[in-house]
């Protein structure tokens, strides 16, 4: 399964970015093969509005079926859910640590947004 993680950098040692829509990038990890890819979120991160929705589209196009992030607003949450992407919240740590927690079942699937609209 492909899992996208909002991140401050493009590798497994990068910190999980607590902001979904304005994250620097997304590290996509295939939990079966260990293959990784980095998706730049520069276009969405600089928007004055709609960053979460555009970031959700980027994640959906990657083929990810799950997202790990720190916070996600209501519009982005709805866009991700509509794309069939499950959301998990992780507070701190690296991309690698977050993916390991996900694989072990230590991250709980989010039931809703945990940030207001236009949170930065």
Protein backbone atom coordinates (compact mmCIF):
# COMPACT_ATOMS: atom_id res chain seq x y z
CA UNK A 1 0.00 0.00 0.00
CA UNK A 2 1.21 3.50 -0.75
CA UNK A 3 1.22 5.91 2.18
CA UNK A 4 1.86 9.65 1.78
CA UNK A 5 3.44 11.57 4.65
CA UNK A 6 3.49 15.38 4.86
CA UNK A 7 7.15 16.23 5.34
CA UNK A 8 9.71 19.01 5.72
CA UNK A 9 12.07 17.23 3.29
CA UNK A 10 12.21 14.49 0.70
CA UNK A 11 13.63 11.54 2.59
CA UNK A 12 12.70 9.10 5.34
CA UNK A 13 14.71 11.05 7.94
CA UNK A 14 12.73 14.25 7.31
CA UNK A 15 10.39 15.51 10.02
CA UNK A 16 6.66 14.99 9.62
CA UNK A 17 5.25 18.39 8.67
CA UNK A 18 2.37 19.20 11.00
CA UNK A 19 0.60 21.18 8.25
CA UNK A 20 -1.04 19.18 5.48
CA UNK A 21 -1.93 21.79 2.86
CA UNK A 22 1.17 23.88 3.38
CA UNK A 23 3.65 21.05 3.85
CA UNK A 24 6.86 21.45 1.85
CA UNK A 25 6.39 18.04 0.24
CA UNK A 26 4.95 14.56 0.59
CA UNK A 27 7.06 11.44 0.89
CA UNK A 28 5.17 8.52 -0.60
CA UNK A 29 6.22 5.14 0.76
CA UNK A 30 5.17 1.76 -0.61
CA UNK A 31 4.81 -0.26 2.60
CA UNK A 32 5.28 -3.55 0.73
CA UNK A 33 8.41 -2.76 -1.33
CA UNK A 34 9.92 0.10 0.69
CA UNK A 35 10.13 2.21 -2.48
CA UNK A 36 9.85 5.96 -1.86
CA UNK A 37 9.03 9.00 -3.97
CA UNK A 38 8.94 12.69 -3.16
CA UNK A 39 6.14 14.98 -4.33
CA UNK A 40 6.75 18.71 -4.25
CA UNK A 41 3.88 20.67 -2.71
CA UNK A 42 5.32 24.07 -3.64
CA UNK A 43 2.33 25.05 -5.75
CA UNK A 44 -0.19 24.51 -2.97
CA UNK A 45 1.99 25.74 -0.12
CA UNK A 46 2.11 29.26 -1.51
CA UNK A 47 -1.61 29.70 -2.18
CA UNK A 48 -3.61 32.19 -0.13
CA UNK A 49 -6.57 29.80 -0.10
CA UNK A 50 -7.36 26.28 -1.30
CA UNK A 51 -3.95 24.87 -0.38
CA UNK A 52 -5.45 21.84 1.35
CA UNK A 53 -7.68 20.93 -1.58
CA UNK A 54 -4.82 21.23 -4.08
CA UNK A 55 -2.54 19.20 -1.80
CA UNK A 56 -5.27 16.55 -1.53
CA UNK A 57 -5.36 16.32 -5.33
CA UNK A 58 -1.58 15.88 -5.40
CA UNK A 59 -1.75 13.06 -2.87
CA UNK A 60 -4.65 11.39 -4.71
CA UNK A 61 -2.72 11.45 -8.01
CA UNK A 62 0.18 9.66 -6.31
CA UNK A 63 -1.93 6.55 -5.78
CA UNK A 64 -1.61 6.75 -1.99
CA UNK A 65 -4.41 5.05 -0.06
CA UNK A 66 -3.44 6.61 3.28
CA UNK A 67 -2.04 9.93 4.50
CA UNK A 68 -0.06 10.62 7.64
CA UNK A 69 0.08 14.26 8.75
CA UNK A 70 -0.10 16.39 11.86
CA UNK A 71 -3.18 18.48 11.11
CA UNK A 72 -5.78 18.55 8.37
CA UNK A 73 -8.54 21.10 7.83
CA UNK A 74 -12.16 20.28 7.00
CA UNK A 75 -12.06 20.98 3.25
CA UNK A 76 -8.86 18.98 2.73
CA UNK A 77 -10.21 16.18 4.94
CA UNK A 78 -13.38 16.01 2.81
CA UNK A 79 -11.37 16.02 -0.45
CA UNK A 80 -9.10 13.22 0.80
CA UNK A 81 -12.06 11.17 2.05
CA UNK A 82 -13.85 11.62 -1.31
CA UNK A 83 -10.73 10.23 -3.02
CA UNK A 84 -10.83 7.17 -0.75
CA UNK A 85 -7.71 8.17 1.20
CA UNK A 86 -7.66 7.35 4.91
CA UNK A 87 -6.09 9.97 7.20
CA UNK A 88 -3.89 9.30 10.23
CA UNK A 89 -2.45 11.92 12.58
CA UNK A 90 1.11 11.77 13.87
CA UNK A 91 2.54 14.32 16.25
CA UNK A 92 6.26 14.77 15.63
CA UNK A 93 8.89 12.29 14.57
CA UNK A 94 10.33 11.42 11.21
CA UNK A 95 8.67 10.05 8.09
CA UNK A 96 10.30 6.68 8.78
CA UNK A 97 9.01 6.60 12.37
CA UNK A 98 5.49 7.57 11.27
CA UNK A 99 5.40 4.86 8.59
CA UNK A 100 6.62 2.24 11.08
CA UNK A 101 3.87 3.26 13.54
CA UNK A 102 1.35 3.02 10.69
CA UNK A 103 2.56 -0.47 9.73
CA UNK A 104 2.35 -1.63 13.37
CA UNK A 105 -1.21 -0.29 13.69
CA UNK A 106 -0.17 2.30 16.27
CA UNK A 107 -1.78 5.24 14.43
CA UNK A 108 -5.55 5.58 14.72
CA UNK A 109 -7.56 6.48 11.63
CA UNK A 110 -8.87 10.04 11.92
CA UNK A 111 -12.59 10.54 12.29
CA UNK A 112 -12.52 14.14 11.10
CA UNK A 113 -10.51 17.30 10.62
CA UNK A 114 -8.37 18.52 13.52
CA UNK A 115 -7.53 22.02 12.26
CA UNK A 116 -9.66 25.01 11.27
CA UNK A 117 -9.97 26.27 7.71
CA UNK A 118 -6.96 28.43 6.71
CA UNK A 119 -4.82 27.13 9.57
CA UNK A 120 -1.12 27.76 9.06
